[in-house]
Amino acid sequence: MYLGHAPKHLTEAQRGIWKELKANLSTSLLKAADRVAVEVGVRLTDKMRTTGLNASELAQLINVLGRLGGTPADRLKCAVPVTTPEKSKNEFSEFV
């Protein structure tokens, strides 16, 4: 089962952050089991944008984003299914 929609108990702003994270993270990797981790990321991102984070909270945010493949270095570690585009069928396709 995939990540799905934001939980109803989140605020409207937090539901927007949920959508933002969902759009920016690999949806082929995010599953229902990741919902709590994503919620932690949502709440920390919301706090970062509203009242600010202390050093410990910022480290936690970076950690949770990393675990979800949200940093460049961590994306390299993720096994994302690769799909190859179907070759176009035109008169020059054999030369590509």
N, C-alpha and C. Protein backbone atom coordinates (compact mmCIF):
# COMPACT_ATOMS: atom_id res chain seq x y z
N MET A 1 0.85 -1.18 0.00
CA MET A 1 0.00 0.00 0.00
C MET A 1 0.90 1.25 0.00
N TYR A 2 0.48 2.24 -0.73
CA TYR A 2 1.28 3.45 -0.85
C TYR A 2 0.98 4.44 0.27
N LEU A 3 1.73 5.52 0.30
CA LEU A 3 1.69 6.50 1.38
C LEU A 3 0.29 7.06 1.61
N GLY A 4 -0.39 7.42 0.57
CA GLY A 4 -1.76 7.92 0.70
C GLY A 4 -1.84 9.39 1.08
N HIS A 5 -3.04 9.81 1.43
CA HIS A 5 -3.31 11.20 1.78
C HIS A 5 -2.85 11.50 3.21
N ALA A 6 -2.71 12.79 3.49
CA ALA A 6 -2.31 13.24 4.82
C ALA A 6 -3.37 12.86 5.85
N PRO A 7 -2.96 12.54 7.07
CA PRO A 7 -3.93 12.26 8.13
C PRO A 7 -4.81 13.47 8.41
N LYS A 8 -6.04 13.22 8.76
CA LYS A 8 -7.00 14.30 9.00
C LYS A 8 -6.65 15.14 10.23
N HIS A 9 -5.88 14.58 11.16
CA HIS A 9 -5.57 15.34 12.38
C HIS A 9 -4.49 16.40 12.15
N LEU A 10 -3.86 16.43 10.99
CA LEU A 10 -2.89 17.47 10.69
C LEU A 10 -3.61 18.77 10.36
N THR A 11 -2.93 19.88 10.61
CA THR A 11 -3.51 21.18 10.26
C THR A 11 -3.51 21.33 8.74
N GLU A 12 -4.19 22.34 8.26
CA GLU A 12 -4.23 22.59 6.81
C GLU A 12 -2.82 22.84 6.27
N ALA A 13 -2.03 23.63 7.00
CA ALA A 13 -0.65 23.92 6.58
C ALA A 13 0.17 22.63 6.54
N GLN A 14 -0.02 21.79 7.54
CA GLN A 14 0.73 20.53 7.59
C GLN A 14 0.30 19.58 6.48
N ARG A 15 -0.97 19.59 6.12
CA ARG A 15 -1.42 18.76 5.00
C ARG A 15 -0.79 19.24 3.70
N GLY A 16 -0.59 20.55 3.58
CA GLY A 16 0.11 21.09 2.41
C GLY A 16 1.56 20.64 2.37
N ILE A 17 2.21 20.60 3.54
CA ILE A 17 3.60 20.13 3.62
C ILE A 17 3.65 18.64 3.28
N TRP A 18 2.64 17.88 3.72
CA TRP A 18 2.57 16.46 3.38
C TRP A 18 2.58 16.30 1.86
N LYS A 19 1.74 17.07 1.18
CA LYS A 19 1.69 16.99 -0.28
C LYS A 19 3.02 17.40 -0.90
N GLU A 20 3.64 18.41 -0.32
CA GLU A 20 4.94 18.87 -0.81
C GLU A 20 6.00 17.78 -0.67
N LEU A 21 6.08 17.17 0.50
CA LEU A 21 7.05 16.10 0.71
C LEU A 21 6.75 14.91 -0.20
N LYS A 22 5.49 14.58 -0.32
CA LYS A 22 5.10 13.46 -1.17
C LYS A 22 5.50 13.71 -2.62
N ALA A 23 5.38 14.96 -3.06
CA ALA A 23 5.76 15.30 -4.43
C ALA A 23 7.27 15.30 -4.62
N ASN A 24 8.01 15.63 -3.56
CA ASN A 24 9.47 15.74 -3.67
C ASN A 24 10.21 14.45 -3.37
N LEU A 25 9.57 13.52 -2.68
CA LEU A 25 10.20 12.25 -2.35
C LEU A 25 9.77 11.20 -3.37
N SER A 26 10.51 10.12 -3.43
CA SER A 26 10.21 9.06 -4.39
C SER A 26 8.95 8.31 -3.97
N THR A 27 7.87 8.55 -4.69
CA THR A 27 6.62 7.87 -4.33
C THR A 27 6.68 6.38 -4.61
N SER A 28 7.64 5.93 -5.43
CA SER A 28 7.77 4.49 -5.66
C SER A 28 8.37 3.80 -4.43
N LEU A 29 9.01 4.57 -3.54
CA LEU A 29 9.59 3.99 -2.33
C LEU A 29 8.71 4.17 -1.11
N LEU A 30 7.92 5.25 -1.05
CA LEU A 30 7.12 5.53 0.13
C LEU A 30 5.91 4.59 0.21
N LYS A 31 5.79 3.94 1.34
CA LYS A 31 4.68 3.00 1.56
C LYS A 31 3.91 3.42 2.80
N ALA A 32 2.83 2.73 3.08
CA ALA A 32 2.01 3.03 4.25
C ALA A 32 2.82 2.96 5.54
N ALA A 33 3.81 2.09 5.59
CA ALA A 33 4.64 1.96 6.78
C ALA A 33 5.48 3.21 7.05
N ASP A 34 5.61 4.08 6.05
CA ASP A 34 6.41 5.30 6.20
C ASP A 34 5.58 6.50 6.68
N ARG A 35 4.29 6.30 6.91
CA ARG A 35 3.41 7.41 7.26
C ARG A 35 3.86 8.15 8.52
N VAL A 36 4.30 7.42 9.54
CA VAL A 36 4.71 8.07 10.78
C VAL A 36 5.98 8.89 10.54
N ALA A 37 6.93 8.34 9.81
CA ALA A 37 8.16 9.07 9.51
C ALA A 37 7.87 10.32 8.70
N VAL A 38 6.97 10.21 7.73
CA VAL A 38 6.60 11.39 6.94
C VAL A 38 5.91 12.42 7.83
N GLU A 39 5.07 11.96 8.75
CA GLU A 39 4.40 12.89 9.66
C GLU A 39 5.42 13.62 10.54
N VAL A 40 6.44 12.91 11.01
CA VAL A 40 7.50 13.57 11.78
C VAL A 40 8.16 14.64 10.92
N GLY A 41 8.46 14.30 9.67
CA GLY A 41 9.04 15.28 8.76
C GLY A 41 8.13 16.46 8.52
N VAL A 42 6.84 16.20 8.40
CA VAL A 42 5.86 17.27 8.20
C VAL A 42 5.83 18.21 9.40
N ARG A 43 5.75 17.63 10.59
CA ARG A 43 5.66 18.46 11.80
C ARG A 43 6.94 19.28 12.02
N LEU A 44 8.09 18.67 11.77
CA LEU A 44 9.34 19.41 11.93
C LEU A 44 9.49 20.50 10.86
N THR A 45 9.07 20.21 9.64
CA THR A 45 9.11 21.22 8.57
C THR A 45 8.19 22.38 8.91
N ASP A 46 7.00 22.06 9.41
CA ASP A 46 6.06 23.10 9.82
C ASP A 46 6.66 23.97 10.92
N LYS A 47 7.25 23.35 11.91
CA LYS A 47 7.86 24.10 13.00
C LYS A 47 9.02 24.94 12.50
N MET A 48 9.82 24.39 11.57
CA MET A 48 10.95 25.13 11.00
C MET A 48 10.46 26.40 10.32
N ARG A 49 9.34 26.30 9.64
CA ARG A 49 8.81 27.44 8.87
C ARG A 49 8.05 28.44 9.73
N THR A 50 7.60 28.02 10.89
CA THR A 50 6.79 28.93 11.72
C THR A 50 7.58 29.51 12.89
N THR A 51 8.08 28.66 13.77
CA THR A 51 8.76 29.15 14.96
C THR A 51 10.26 28.90 14.96
N GLY A 52 10.73 28.08 14.04
CA GLY A 52 12.15 27.77 13.95
C GLY A 52 12.49 26.50 14.72
N LEU A 53 13.62 25.93 14.38
CA LEU A 53 14.08 24.70 15.01
C LEU A 53 15.38 24.95 15.76
N ASN A 54 15.55 24.24 16.86
CA ASN A 54 16.87 24.28 17.51
C ASN A 54 17.76 23.28 16.78
N ALA A 55 19.02 23.21 17.16
CA ALA A 55 19.99 22.37 16.45
C ALA A 55 19.59 20.89 16.48
N SER A 56 19.08 20.43 17.60
CA SER A 56 18.67 19.03 17.73
C SER A 56 17.50 18.71 16.80
N GLU A 57 16.52 19.60 16.77
CA GLU A 57 15.35 19.38 15.90
C GLU A 57 15.75 19.43 14.43
N LEU A 58 16.66 20.33 14.08
CA LEU A 58 17.13 20.41 12.70
C LEU A 58 17.84 19.11 12.31
N ALA A 59 18.64 18.57 13.22
CA ALA A 59 19.31 17.29 12.96
C ALA A 59 18.28 16.18 12.78
N GLN A 60 17.21 16.21 13.57
CA GLN A 60 16.15 15.20 13.43
C GLN A 60 15.46 15.32 12.08
N LEU A 61 15.20 16.56 11.64
CA LEU A 61 14.56 16.76 10.34
C LEU A 61 15.46 16.23 9.22
N ILE A 62 16.72 16.58 9.26
CA ILE A 62 17.65 16.10 8.23
C ILE A 62 17.73 14.57 8.26
N ASN A 63 17.71 14.00 9.46
CA ASN A 63 17.75 12.55 9.61
C ASN A 63 16.53 11.89 8.98
N VAL A 64 15.34 12.37 9.31
CA VAL A 64 14.13 11.74 8.79
C VAL A 64 14.03 11.94 7.28
N LEU A 65 14.41 13.10 6.77
CA LEU A 65 14.38 13.30 5.33
C LEU A 65 15.38 12.36 4.64
N GLY A 66 16.53 12.19 5.25
CA GLY A 66 17.51 11.28 4.71
C GLY A 66 17.00 9.85 4.66
N ARG A 67 16.35 9.43 5.72
CA ARG A 67 15.82 8.06 5.77
C ARG A 67 14.73 7.84 4.72
N LEU A 68 14.09 8.93 4.31
CA LEU A 68 13.04 8.82 3.29
C LEU A 68 13.59 9.09 1.89
N GLY A 69 14.91 9.23 1.77
CA GLY A 69 15.52 9.49 0.47
C GLY A 69 15.37 10.94 0.05
N GLY A 70 15.30 11.86 1.00
CA GLY A 70 15.04 13.27 0.71
C GLY A 70 16.28 14.14 0.59
N THR A 71 17.47 13.54 0.64
CA THR A 71 18.68 14.32 0.43
C THR A 71 19.42 13.71 -0.75
N PRO A 72 20.23 14.49 -1.45
CA PRO A 72 20.92 13.94 -2.63
C PRO A 72 21.76 12.69 -2.31
N ALA A 73 22.49 12.72 -1.22
CA ALA A 73 23.32 11.56 -0.88
C ALA A 73 22.47 10.34 -0.58
N ASP A 74 21.35 10.52 0.10
CA ASP A 74 20.51 9.39 0.45
C ASP A 74 19.72 8.84 -0.73
N ARG A 75 19.41 9.69 -1.70
CA ARG A 75 18.73 9.21 -2.90
C ARG A 75 19.61 8.22 -3.66
N LEU A 76 20.92 8.43 -3.61
CA LEU A 76 21.84 7.51 -4.29
C LEU A 76 21.80 6.11 -3.69
N LYS A 77 21.42 6.02 -2.42
CA LYS A 77 21.37 4.73 -1.73
C LYS A 77 20.06 3.99 -1.97
N CYS A 78 19.06 4.68 -2.50
CA CYS A 78 17.74 4.09 -2.68
C CYS A 78 17.67 3.29 -3.97
N ALA A 79 17.04 2.15 -3.91
CA ALA A 79 16.83 1.32 -5.09
C ALA A 79 15.48 1.67 -5.69
N VAL A 80 15.48 2.62 -6.60
CA VAL A 80 14.24 3.05 -7.24
C VAL A 80 14.06 2.25 -8.53
N PRO A 81 12.89 1.66 -8.74
CA PRO A 81 12.66 0.93 -9.98
C PRO A 81 12.85 1.85 -11.18
N VAL A 82 13.61 1.37 -12.13
CA VAL A 82 13.90 2.18 -13.31
C VAL A 82 13.02 1.70 -14.45
N THR A 83 12.36 2.63 -15.08
CA THR A 83 11.58 2.31 -16.26
C THR A 83 12.23 2.99 -17.45
N THR A 84 12.34 2.26 -18.50
CA THR A 84 12.94 2.84 -19.70
C THR A 84 11.83 3.27 -20.64
N PRO A 85 11.98 4.45 -21.22
CA PRO A 85 10.95 4.90 -22.14
C PRO A 85 10.91 4.01 -23.38
N GLU A 86 9.73 3.80 -23.86
CA GLU A 86 9.58 2.99 -25.06
C GLU A 86 10.15 3.76 -26.24
N LYS A 87 10.92 3.06 -27.05
CA LYS A 87 11.52 3.73 -28.21
C LYS A 87 10.41 4.21 -29.14
N SER A 88 10.60 5.41 -29.63
CA SER A 88 9.61 5.93 -30.57
C SER A 88 9.72 5.15 -31.87
N LYS A 89 8.60 4.94 -32.46
CA LYS A 89 8.58 4.17 -33.70
C LYS A 89 8.47 5.14 -34.87
N ASN A 90 9.64 5.50 -35.37
CA ASN A 90 9.66 6.33 -36.55
C ASN A 90 10.74 5.80 -37.47
N GLU A 91 10.88 6.39 -38.59
CA GLU A 91 11.82 5.88 -39.59
C GLU A 91 13.29 5.97 -39.15
N PHE A 92 13.59 6.78 -38.12
CA PHE A 92 14.96 6.93 -37.67
C PHE A 92 15.25 6.19 -36.36
N SER A 93 14.30 5.46 -35.81
CA SER A 93 14.46 4.84 -34.50
C SER A 93 15.60 3.83 -34.45
N GLU A 94 15.94 3.20 -35.58
CA GLU A 94 17.04 2.23 -35.54
C GLU A 94 18.39 2.88 -35.35
N PHE A 95 18.48 4.21 -35.54
CA PHE A 95 19.74 4.93 -35.39
C PHE A 95 19.93 5.51 -34.00
N VAL A 96 18.95 5.36 -33.13
CA VAL A 96 19.03 5.95 -31.78
C VAL A 96 19.66 4.99 -30.82
